[in-house]
């Protein structure tokens, strides 16, 4: 028995043959080992939960990235559809409308003054010409005024 360490260990640590001081000296160590095992099990559970949360978060992130790409695509489509109503396009259309209205008024004046040969215009034709010319000039003035306000920066903050 003195030559075999396994037998010595069995005799020393056996509940029937062990001295009462041996279990008392190892009780604290056993408690700490049990606590360490419990903490390790808890850590394993937390690790599994964390891994699940990471996978869930990663899949949500991928779906959000896909939604963001879809949104950017829709936004680009919307911007393309509304491009003709953008401030630069509206300003360009307003500038063209001012020039067109001035040309229309000049053309109206020239066509009336050239007349149809030597014929004298009737009072009704003259009043119709004057009415159309006033309407045309009024429209031209209003368009020029809008353009001027835009140029001065007084149109809704657009510039």
N, C-alpha and C. Protein backbone atom coordinates (compact mmCIF):
# COMPACT_ATOMS: atom_id res chain seq x y z
N UNK A 1 0.82 -1.18 0.00
CA UNK A 1 0.00 0.00 0.00
C UNK A 1 0.88 1.26 0.00
N UNK A 2 2.03 1.21 0.60
CA UNK A 2 2.89 2.38 0.63
C UNK A 2 3.49 2.68 -0.73
N UNK A 3 3.56 1.69 -1.60
CA UNK A 3 4.14 1.86 -2.93
C UNK A 3 3.11 2.28 -3.98
N UNK A 4 1.84 2.23 -3.71
CA UNK A 4 0.80 2.54 -4.70
C UNK A 4 0.08 3.83 -4.31
N UNK A 5 0.29 4.91 -5.08
CA UNK A 5 -0.34 6.19 -4.74
C UNK A 5 -1.86 6.16 -4.90
N UNK A 6 -2.38 5.33 -5.81
CA UNK A 6 -3.83 5.28 -5.99
C UNK A 6 -4.51 4.71 -4.74
N UNK A 7 -3.91 3.71 -4.16
CA UNK A 7 -4.48 3.13 -2.95
C UNK A 7 -4.39 4.12 -1.79
N UNK A 8 -3.29 4.80 -1.70
CA UNK A 8 -3.15 5.81 -0.65
C UNK A 8 -4.23 6.89 -0.80
N UNK A 9 -4.43 7.33 -2.01
CA UNK A 9 -5.44 8.37 -2.27
C UNK A 9 -6.84 7.85 -1.93
N UNK A 10 -7.11 6.59 -2.26
CA UNK A 10 -8.42 6.01 -1.97
C UNK A 10 -8.65 5.91 -0.47
N UNK A 11 -7.63 5.52 0.27
CA UNK A 11 -7.77 5.39 1.72
C UNK A 11 -7.92 6.76 2.37
N UNK A 12 -7.12 7.74 1.92
CA UNK A 12 -7.15 9.06 2.54
C UNK A 12 -8.46 9.78 2.26
N UNK A 13 -9.00 9.62 1.07
CA UNK A 13 -10.19 10.39 0.68
C UNK A 13 -11.48 9.59 0.77
N UNK A 14 -11.43 8.39 1.21
CA UNK A 14 -12.65 7.58 1.38
C UNK A 14 -13.45 8.13 2.55
N UNK A 15 -14.77 8.22 2.41
CA UNK A 15 -15.57 8.78 3.51
C UNK A 15 -15.47 7.98 4.80
N UNK A 16 -15.26 6.65 4.72
CA UNK A 16 -15.19 5.85 5.94
C UNK A 16 -13.84 5.96 6.63
N UNK A 17 -12.77 6.12 5.84
CA UNK A 17 -11.43 6.08 6.43
C UNK A 17 -10.76 7.44 6.52
N UNK A 18 -11.31 8.45 5.93
CA UNK A 18 -10.68 9.77 5.89
C UNK A 18 -10.73 10.45 7.25
N UNK A 19 -9.69 11.18 7.53
CA UNK A 19 -9.64 11.95 8.76
C UNK A 19 -10.58 13.15 8.60
N UNK A 20 -11.26 13.58 9.66
CA UNK A 20 -12.22 14.69 9.55
C UNK A 20 -11.59 16.01 9.08
N UNK A 21 -10.34 16.21 9.21
CA UNK A 21 -9.71 17.47 8.79
C UNK A 21 -9.55 17.54 7.26
N UNK A 22 -9.48 16.37 6.61
CA UNK A 22 -9.28 16.38 5.14
C UNK A 22 -10.51 16.92 4.42
N UNK A 23 -11.73 16.42 4.66
CA UNK A 23 -12.89 17.01 3.97
C UNK A 23 -13.09 18.48 4.34
N UNK A 24 -12.77 18.85 5.57
CA UNK A 24 -12.92 20.24 5.98
C UNK A 24 -11.95 21.14 5.20
N UNK A 25 -10.75 20.65 4.92
CA UNK A 25 -9.76 21.46 4.21
C UNK A 25 -10.10 21.57 2.72
N UNK A 26 -10.79 20.57 2.18
CA UNK A 26 -11.12 20.60 0.75
C UNK A 26 -12.53 21.14 0.49
N UNK A 27 -13.31 21.41 1.53
CA UNK A 27 -14.69 21.90 1.34
C UNK A 27 -14.71 23.25 0.63
N UNK A 28 -13.85 24.13 1.04
CA UNK A 28 -13.81 25.46 0.41
C UNK A 28 -13.40 25.33 -1.06
N UNK A 29 -12.43 24.45 -1.31
CA UNK A 29 -11.99 24.21 -2.68
C UNK A 29 -13.11 23.62 -3.53
N UNK A 30 -13.86 22.68 -2.96
CA UNK A 30 -14.98 22.08 -3.69
C UNK A 30 -16.06 23.12 -3.98
N UNK A 31 -16.33 24.00 -3.02
CA UNK A 31 -17.34 25.05 -3.23
C UNK A 31 -16.90 25.99 -4.36
N UNK A 32 -15.63 26.36 -4.34
CA UNK A 32 -15.12 27.23 -5.40
C UNK A 32 -15.15 26.55 -6.76
N UNK A 33 -14.83 25.24 -6.78
CA UNK A 33 -14.90 24.50 -8.04
C UNK A 33 -16.34 24.41 -8.56
N UNK A 34 -17.28 24.17 -7.65
CA UNK A 34 -18.69 24.11 -8.05
C UNK A 34 -19.16 25.46 -8.59
N UNK A 35 -18.74 26.54 -7.92
CA UNK A 35 -19.08 27.89 -8.38
C UNK A 35 -18.47 28.15 -9.76
N UNK A 36 -17.24 27.71 -9.95
CA UNK A 36 -16.55 27.90 -11.23
C UNK A 36 -17.27 27.13 -12.34
N UNK A 37 -17.71 25.91 -12.04
CA UNK A 37 -18.46 25.12 -13.03
C UNK A 37 -19.78 25.81 -13.37
N UNK A 38 -20.47 26.33 -12.36
CA UNK A 38 -21.74 27.03 -12.60
C UNK A 38 -21.52 28.28 -13.46
N UNK A 39 -20.46 29.02 -13.16
CA UNK A 39 -20.14 30.20 -13.97
C UNK A 39 -19.80 29.81 -15.41
N UNK A 40 -19.09 28.72 -15.59
CA UNK A 40 -18.75 28.26 -16.94
C UNK A 40 -20.01 27.88 -17.72
N UNK A 41 -20.95 27.20 -17.05
CA UNK A 41 -22.22 26.84 -17.70
C UNK A 41 -23.01 28.10 -18.07
N UNK A 42 -23.04 29.04 -17.17
CA UNK A 42 -23.73 30.31 -17.44
C UNK A 42 -23.09 31.04 -18.61
N UNK A 43 -21.76 31.01 -18.65
CA UNK A 43 -21.03 31.65 -19.74
C UNK A 43 -21.32 30.97 -21.08
N UNK A 44 -21.46 29.65 -21.06
CA UNK A 44 -21.81 28.93 -22.29
C UNK A 44 -23.19 29.34 -22.79
N UNK A 45 -24.13 29.47 -21.85
CA UNK A 45 -25.49 29.89 -22.23
C UNK A 45 -25.47 31.31 -22.80
N UNK A 46 -24.73 32.20 -22.14
CA UNK A 46 -24.63 33.58 -22.62
C UNK A 46 -23.97 33.64 -24.00
N UNK A 47 -22.96 32.80 -24.20
CA UNK A 47 -22.29 32.77 -25.50
C UNK A 47 -23.25 32.31 -26.59
N UNK A 48 -24.05 31.28 -26.31
CA UNK A 48 -25.03 30.80 -27.29
C UNK A 48 -26.06 31.89 -27.59
N UNK A 49 -26.52 32.57 -26.52
CA UNK A 49 -27.49 33.66 -26.71
C UNK A 49 -26.89 34.80 -27.53
N UNK A 50 -25.65 35.15 -27.22
CA UNK A 50 -24.98 36.21 -27.95
C UNK A 50 -24.79 35.84 -29.42
N UNK A 51 -24.43 34.60 -29.68
CA UNK A 51 -24.26 34.15 -31.06
C UNK A 51 -25.59 34.24 -31.81
N UNK A 52 -26.67 33.84 -31.16
CA UNK A 52 -28.00 33.95 -31.78
C UNK A 52 -28.35 35.41 -32.07
N UNK A 53 -28.07 36.29 -31.11
CA UNK A 53 -28.34 37.72 -31.30
C UNK A 53 -27.51 38.29 -32.45
N UNK A 54 -26.26 37.89 -32.55
CA UNK A 54 -25.40 38.36 -33.65
C UNK A 54 -25.96 37.94 -35.00
N UNK A 55 -26.36 36.67 -35.10
CA UNK A 55 -26.92 36.17 -36.35
C UNK A 55 -28.21 36.91 -36.70
N UNK A 56 -29.05 37.13 -35.70
CA UNK A 56 -30.30 37.86 -35.92
C UNK A 56 -30.02 39.29 -36.36
N UNK A 57 -29.09 39.94 -35.69
CA UNK A 57 -28.74 41.32 -36.04
C UNK A 57 -28.14 41.40 -37.43
N UNK A 58 -27.31 40.43 -37.76
CA UNK A 58 -26.71 40.43 -39.10
C UNK A 58 -27.76 40.25 -40.18
N UNK A 59 -28.72 39.36 -39.96
CA UNK A 59 -29.77 39.17 -40.97
C UNK A 59 -30.64 40.42 -41.08
N UNK A 60 -30.94 41.07 -39.95
CA UNK A 60 -31.72 42.31 -39.99
C UNK A 60 -30.94 43.41 -40.71
N UNK A 61 -29.64 43.47 -40.48
CA UNK A 61 -28.81 44.47 -41.15
C UNK A 61 -28.82 44.25 -42.66
N UNK A 62 -28.71 43.00 -43.08
CA UNK A 62 -28.75 42.70 -44.51
C UNK A 62 -30.10 43.08 -45.11
N UNK A 63 -31.18 42.80 -44.41
CA UNK A 63 -32.50 43.17 -44.94
C UNK A 63 -32.66 44.69 -44.97
N UNK A 64 -32.12 45.37 -43.97
CA UNK A 64 -32.19 46.84 -43.98
C UNK A 64 -31.37 47.43 -45.11
N UNK A 65 -30.23 46.83 -45.41
CA UNK A 65 -29.42 47.30 -46.54
C UNK A 65 -30.18 47.11 -47.84
N UNK A 66 -30.89 45.98 -47.97
CA UNK A 66 -31.69 45.73 -49.18
C UNK A 66 -32.81 46.76 -49.28
N UNK A 67 -33.46 47.05 -48.15
CA UNK A 67 -34.51 48.07 -48.15
C UNK A 67 -33.95 49.45 -48.50
N UNK A 68 -32.75 49.74 -48.02
CA UNK A 68 -32.12 51.03 -48.33
C UNK A 68 -31.83 51.13 -49.83
N UNK A 69 -31.35 50.04 -50.44
CA UNK A 69 -31.11 50.06 -51.88
C UNK A 69 -32.42 50.27 -52.64
N UNK A 70 -33.48 49.59 -52.19
CA UNK A 70 -34.78 49.78 -52.83
C UNK A 70 -35.24 51.22 -52.70
N UNK A 71 -35.07 51.80 -51.51
CA UNK A 71 -35.48 53.18 -51.29
C UNK A 71 -34.69 54.12 -52.19
N UNK A 72 -33.38 53.90 -52.31
CA UNK A 72 -32.56 54.75 -53.17
C UNK A 72 -33.02 54.64 -54.62
N UNK A 73 -33.39 53.45 -55.03
CA UNK A 73 -33.88 53.26 -56.39
C UNK A 73 -35.19 54.02 -56.60
N UNK A 74 -36.11 53.90 -55.66
CA UNK A 74 -37.38 54.63 -55.75
C UNK A 74 -37.14 56.14 -55.71
N UNK A 75 -36.21 56.56 -54.87
CA UNK A 75 -35.90 58.00 -54.78
C UNK A 75 -35.34 58.50 -56.11
N UNK A 76 -34.49 57.70 -56.73
CA UNK A 76 -33.94 58.10 -58.04
C UNK A 76 -35.04 58.17 -59.09
N UNK A 77 -35.98 57.22 -59.04
CA UNK A 77 -37.10 57.26 -59.98
C UNK A 77 -37.95 58.50 -59.74
N UNK A 78 -38.20 58.82 -58.47
CA UNK A 78 -39.00 59.99 -58.14
C UNK A 78 -38.28 61.27 -58.59
N UNK A 79 -36.98 61.34 -58.33
CA UNK A 79 -36.23 62.52 -58.76
C UNK A 79 -36.27 62.68 -60.28
N UNK A 80 -36.17 61.55 -60.99
CA UNK A 80 -36.23 61.61 -62.45
C UNK A 80 -37.61 62.06 -62.91
N UNK A 81 -38.66 61.58 -62.24
CA UNK A 81 -40.02 61.96 -62.63
C UNK A 81 -40.29 63.43 -62.33
N UNK A 82 -39.69 63.96 -61.27
CA UNK A 82 -39.94 65.35 -60.88
C UNK A 82 -38.89 66.32 -61.40
N UNK A 83 -37.96 65.82 -62.22
CA UNK A 83 -36.87 66.67 -62.70
C UNK A 83 -37.39 67.91 -63.44
N UNK A 84 -38.46 67.73 -64.21
CA UNK A 84 -38.97 68.88 -64.97
C UNK A 84 -39.62 69.93 -64.06
N UNK A 85 -39.86 69.58 -62.79
CA UNK A 85 -40.42 70.54 -61.85
C UNK A 85 -39.38 71.02 -60.85
N UNK A 86 -38.13 70.72 -61.11
CA UNK A 86 -37.06 71.18 -60.22
C UNK A 86 -36.86 72.68 -60.43
N UNK A 87 -36.29 73.36 -59.45
CA UNK A 87 -36.09 74.81 -59.59
C UNK A 87 -35.33 75.22 -60.85
N UNK A 88 -34.24 74.54 -61.23
CA UNK A 88 -33.57 74.97 -62.47
C UNK A 88 -34.46 74.80 -63.70
N UNK A 89 -35.22 73.70 -63.75
CA UNK A 89 -36.10 73.48 -64.90
C UNK A 89 -37.22 74.51 -64.93
N UNK A 90 -37.78 74.81 -63.76
CA UNK A 90 -38.85 75.81 -63.71
C UNK A 90 -38.32 77.19 -64.11
N UNK A 91 -37.13 77.52 -63.67
CA UNK A 91 -36.54 78.81 -64.04
C UNK A 91 -36.31 78.88 -65.54
N UNK A 92 -35.82 77.80 -66.10
CA UNK A 92 -35.58 77.76 -67.54
C UNK A 92 -36.90 77.92 -68.30
N UNK A 93 -37.95 77.24 -67.84
CA UNK A 93 -39.25 77.37 -68.50
C UNK A 93 -39.80 78.79 -68.35
N UNK A 94 -39.60 79.41 -67.19
CA UNK A 94 -40.08 80.77 -66.99
C UNK A 94 -39.33 81.74 -67.90
N UNK A 95 -38.03 81.58 -68.01
CA UNK A 95 -37.25 82.45 -68.90
C UNK A 95 -37.69 82.28 -70.35
N UNK A 96 -37.92 81.05 -70.76
CA UNK A 96 -38.39 80.81 -72.13
C UNK A 96 -39.77 81.40 -72.33
N UNK A 97 -40.65 81.30 -71.33
CA UNK A 97 -42.01 81.84 -71.44
C UNK A 97 -41.99 83.35 -71.57
N UNK A 98 -41.06 84.01 -70.87
CA UNK A 98 -40.96 85.47 -70.98
C UNK A 98 -40.60 85.85 -72.41
N UNK A 99 -39.61 85.20 -72.97
CA UNK A 99 -39.20 85.48 -74.35
C UNK A 99 -40.30 85.15 -75.36
N UNK A 100 -40.97 84.03 -75.15
CA UNK A 100 -42.05 83.64 -76.07
C UNK A 100 -43.20 84.65 -76.03
N UNK A 101 -43.56 85.12 -74.85
CA UNK A 101 -44.67 86.07 -74.75
C UNK A 101 -44.31 87.39 -75.40
N UNK A 102 -43.07 87.84 -75.22
CA UNK A 102 -42.63 89.07 -75.90
C UNK A 102 -42.68 88.89 -77.41
N UNK A 103 -42.24 87.76 -77.91
CA UNK A 103 -42.27 87.50 -79.35
C UNK A 103 -43.70 87.42 -79.85
N UNK A 104 -44.59 86.83 -79.05
CA UNK A 104 -46.00 86.74 -79.43
C UNK A 104 -46.62 88.12 -79.55
N UNK A 105 -46.33 89.01 -78.61
CA UNK A 105 -46.86 90.38 -78.66
C UNK A 105 -46.32 91.13 -79.87
N UNK A 106 -45.00 90.99 -80.13
CA UNK A 106 -44.44 91.65 -81.31
C UNK A 106 -45.07 91.12 -82.60
N UNK A 107 -45.25 89.81 -82.63
CA UNK A 107 -45.88 89.21 -83.82
C UNK A 107 -47.30 89.69 -83.99
N UNK A 108 -48.03 89.84 -82.90
CA UNK A 108 -49.41 90.32 -82.96
C UNK A 108 -49.44 91.76 -83.48
N UNK A 109 -48.53 92.59 -82.98
CA UNK A 109 -48.47 93.98 -83.45
C UNK A 109 -48.12 94.05 -84.94
N UNK A 110 -47.12 93.27 -85.33
CA UNK A 110 -46.68 93.30 -86.72
C UNK A 110 -47.77 92.79 -87.66
N UNK A 111 -48.45 91.74 -87.25
CA UNK A 111 -49.49 91.20 -88.12
C UNK A 111 -50.64 92.19 -88.26
N UNK A 112 -50.95 92.93 -87.21
CA UNK A 112 -52.04 93.90 -87.30
C UNK A 112 -51.62 95.10 -88.13
N UNK A 113 -50.37 95.56 -87.92
CA UNK A 113 -49.91 96.74 -88.65
C UNK A 113 -49.72 96.46 -90.13
N UNK A 114 -49.28 95.25 -90.45
CA UNK A 114 -49.14 94.91 -91.86
C UNK A 114 -50.50 94.86 -92.52
N UNK A 115 -51.47 94.35 -91.78
CA UNK A 115 -52.84 94.33 -92.25
C UNK A 115 -53.01 93.51 -93.51
N UNK A 116 -54.15 93.64 -94.10
CA UNK A 116 -54.48 92.91 -95.31
C UNK A 116 -54.51 93.90 -96.46
N UNK A 117 -53.38 94.27 -96.90
CA UNK A 117 -53.31 95.21 -98.02
C UNK A 117 -53.59 96.62 -97.56
N UNK A 118 -54.46 97.33 -98.30
CA UNK A 118 -54.77 98.74 -98.04
C UNK A 118 -56.04 98.90 -97.22
N UNK A 119 -56.63 97.79 -96.80
CA UNK A 119 -57.92 97.86 -96.10
C UNK A 119 -57.76 98.51 -94.74
N UNK A 120 -58.73 99.26 -94.37
CA UNK A 120 -58.76 99.93 -93.09
C UNK A 120 -59.49 99.00 -92.12
N UNK A 121 -58.93 98.85 -90.93
CA UNK A 121 -59.52 97.96 -89.95
C UNK A 121 -60.78 98.57 -89.37
N UNK A 122 -61.76 97.72 -89.12
CA UNK A 122 -63.00 98.19 -88.53
C UNK A 122 -62.78 98.44 -87.04
N UNK A 123 -63.75 99.13 -86.47
CA UNK A 123 -63.66 99.44 -85.05
C UNK A 123 -63.66 98.16 -84.21
N UNK A 124 -64.42 97.18 -84.65
CA UNK A 124 -64.48 95.90 -83.94
C UNK A 124 -63.13 95.20 -84.02
N UNK A 125 -62.47 95.21 -85.16
CA UNK A 125 -61.16 94.58 -85.31
C UNK A 125 -60.12 95.29 -84.46
N UNK A 126 -60.21 96.62 -84.44
CA UNK A 126 -59.26 97.38 -83.63
C UNK A 126 -59.46 97.08 -82.14
N UNK A 127 -60.72 97.05 -81.69
CA UNK A 127 -60.97 96.76 -80.27
C UNK A 127 -60.54 95.34 -79.93
N UNK A 128 -60.75 94.38 -80.86
CA UNK A 128 -60.29 93.01 -80.64
C UNK A 128 -58.76 92.96 -80.56
N UNK A 129 -58.08 93.71 -81.45
CA UNK A 129 -56.62 93.76 -81.45
C UNK A 129 -56.11 94.36 -80.14
N UNK A 130 -56.71 95.46 -79.74
CA UNK A 130 -56.29 96.13 -78.50
C UNK A 130 -56.51 95.20 -77.30
N UNK A 131 -57.63 94.50 -77.26
CA UNK A 131 -57.91 93.59 -76.15
C UNK A 131 -56.87 92.46 -76.12
N UNK A 132 -56.61 91.85 -77.27
CA UNK A 132 -55.64 90.76 -77.34
C UNK A 132 -54.23 91.26 -76.99
N UNK A 133 -53.90 92.46 -77.47
CA UNK A 133 -52.58 93.01 -77.18
C UNK A 133 -52.43 93.32 -75.69
N UNK A 134 -53.48 93.87 -75.08
CA UNK A 134 -53.43 94.14 -73.63
C UNK A 134 -53.27 92.85 -72.84
N UNK A 135 -54.02 91.83 -73.20
CA UNK A 135 -53.90 90.54 -72.51
C UNK A 135 -52.50 89.96 -72.68
N UNK A 136 -51.98 90.05 -73.89
CA UNK A 136 -50.63 89.55 -74.16
C UNK A 136 -49.59 90.33 -73.38
N UNK A 137 -49.72 91.66 -73.37
CA UNK A 137 -48.77 92.50 -72.62
C UNK A 137 -48.87 92.26 -71.12
N UNK A 138 -50.10 92.06 -70.65
CA UNK A 138 -50.29 91.78 -69.22
C UNK A 138 -49.59 90.47 -68.86
N UNK A 139 -49.80 89.45 -69.68
CA UNK A 139 -49.14 88.16 -69.43
C UNK A 139 -47.63 88.31 -69.49
N UNK A 140 -47.14 89.05 -70.48
CA UNK A 140 -45.70 89.26 -70.61
C UNK A 140 -45.16 90.00 -69.39
N UNK A 141 -45.87 91.01 -68.93
CA UNK A 141 -45.44 91.77 -67.76
C UNK A 141 -45.41 90.88 -66.52
N UNK A 142 -46.46 90.07 -66.32
CA UNK A 142 -46.50 89.21 -65.13
C UNK A 142 -45.37 88.18 -65.16
N UNK A 143 -45.10 87.61 -66.34
CA UNK A 143 -44.00 86.65 -66.45
C UNK A 143 -42.66 87.31 -66.19
N UNK A 144 -42.48 88.51 -66.75
CA UNK A 144 -41.22 89.23 -66.53
C UNK A 144 -41.06 89.59 -65.05
N UNK A 145 -42.17 89.95 -64.41
CA UNK A 145 -42.12 90.27 -62.98
C UNK A 145 -41.75 89.04 -62.16
N UNK A 146 -42.33 87.89 -62.49
CA UNK A 146 -41.98 86.65 -61.78
C UNK A 146 -40.51 86.32 -61.95
N UNK A 147 -40.01 86.47 -63.16
CA UNK A 147 -38.60 86.18 -63.42
C UNK A 147 -37.71 87.15 -62.64
N UNK A 148 -38.12 88.40 -62.61
CA UNK A 148 -37.33 89.39 -61.87
C UNK A 148 -37.31 89.07 -60.37
N UNK A 149 -38.46 88.67 -59.82
CA UNK A 149 -38.50 88.28 -58.41
C UNK A 149 -37.61 87.07 -58.17
N UNK A 150 -37.64 86.14 -59.09
CA UNK A 150 -36.80 84.94 -58.96
C UNK A 150 -35.32 85.33 -58.99
N UNK A 151 -34.97 86.22 -59.93
CA UNK A 151 -33.57 86.65 -60.04
C UNK A 151 -33.10 87.35 -58.77
N UNK A 152 -34.02 88.04 -58.11
CA UNK A 152 -33.67 88.73 -56.87
C UNK A 152 -33.70 87.80 -55.65
N UNK A 153 -34.14 86.56 -55.86
CA UNK A 153 -34.17 85.60 -54.76
C UNK A 153 -35.40 85.73 -53.89
N UNK A 154 -36.47 86.28 -54.42
CA UNK A 154 -37.69 86.47 -53.62
C UNK A 154 -38.73 85.40 -53.92
N UNK A 155 -38.34 84.27 -54.47
CA UNK A 155 -39.29 83.22 -54.81
C UNK A 155 -38.99 82.00 -53.95
N UNK A 156 -39.68 81.86 -52.87
CA UNK A 156 -39.63 80.67 -52.04
C UNK A 156 -38.25 80.15 -51.67
N UNK A 157 -37.24 80.97 -51.68
CA UNK A 157 -35.92 80.54 -51.28
C UNK A 157 -35.16 79.78 -52.36
N UNK A 158 -35.72 79.66 -53.56
CA UNK A 158 -35.03 78.93 -54.64
C UNK A 158 -33.97 79.81 -55.24
N UNK A 159 -32.84 79.27 -55.47
CA UNK A 159 -31.77 79.96 -56.20
C UNK A 159 -30.80 78.94 -56.69
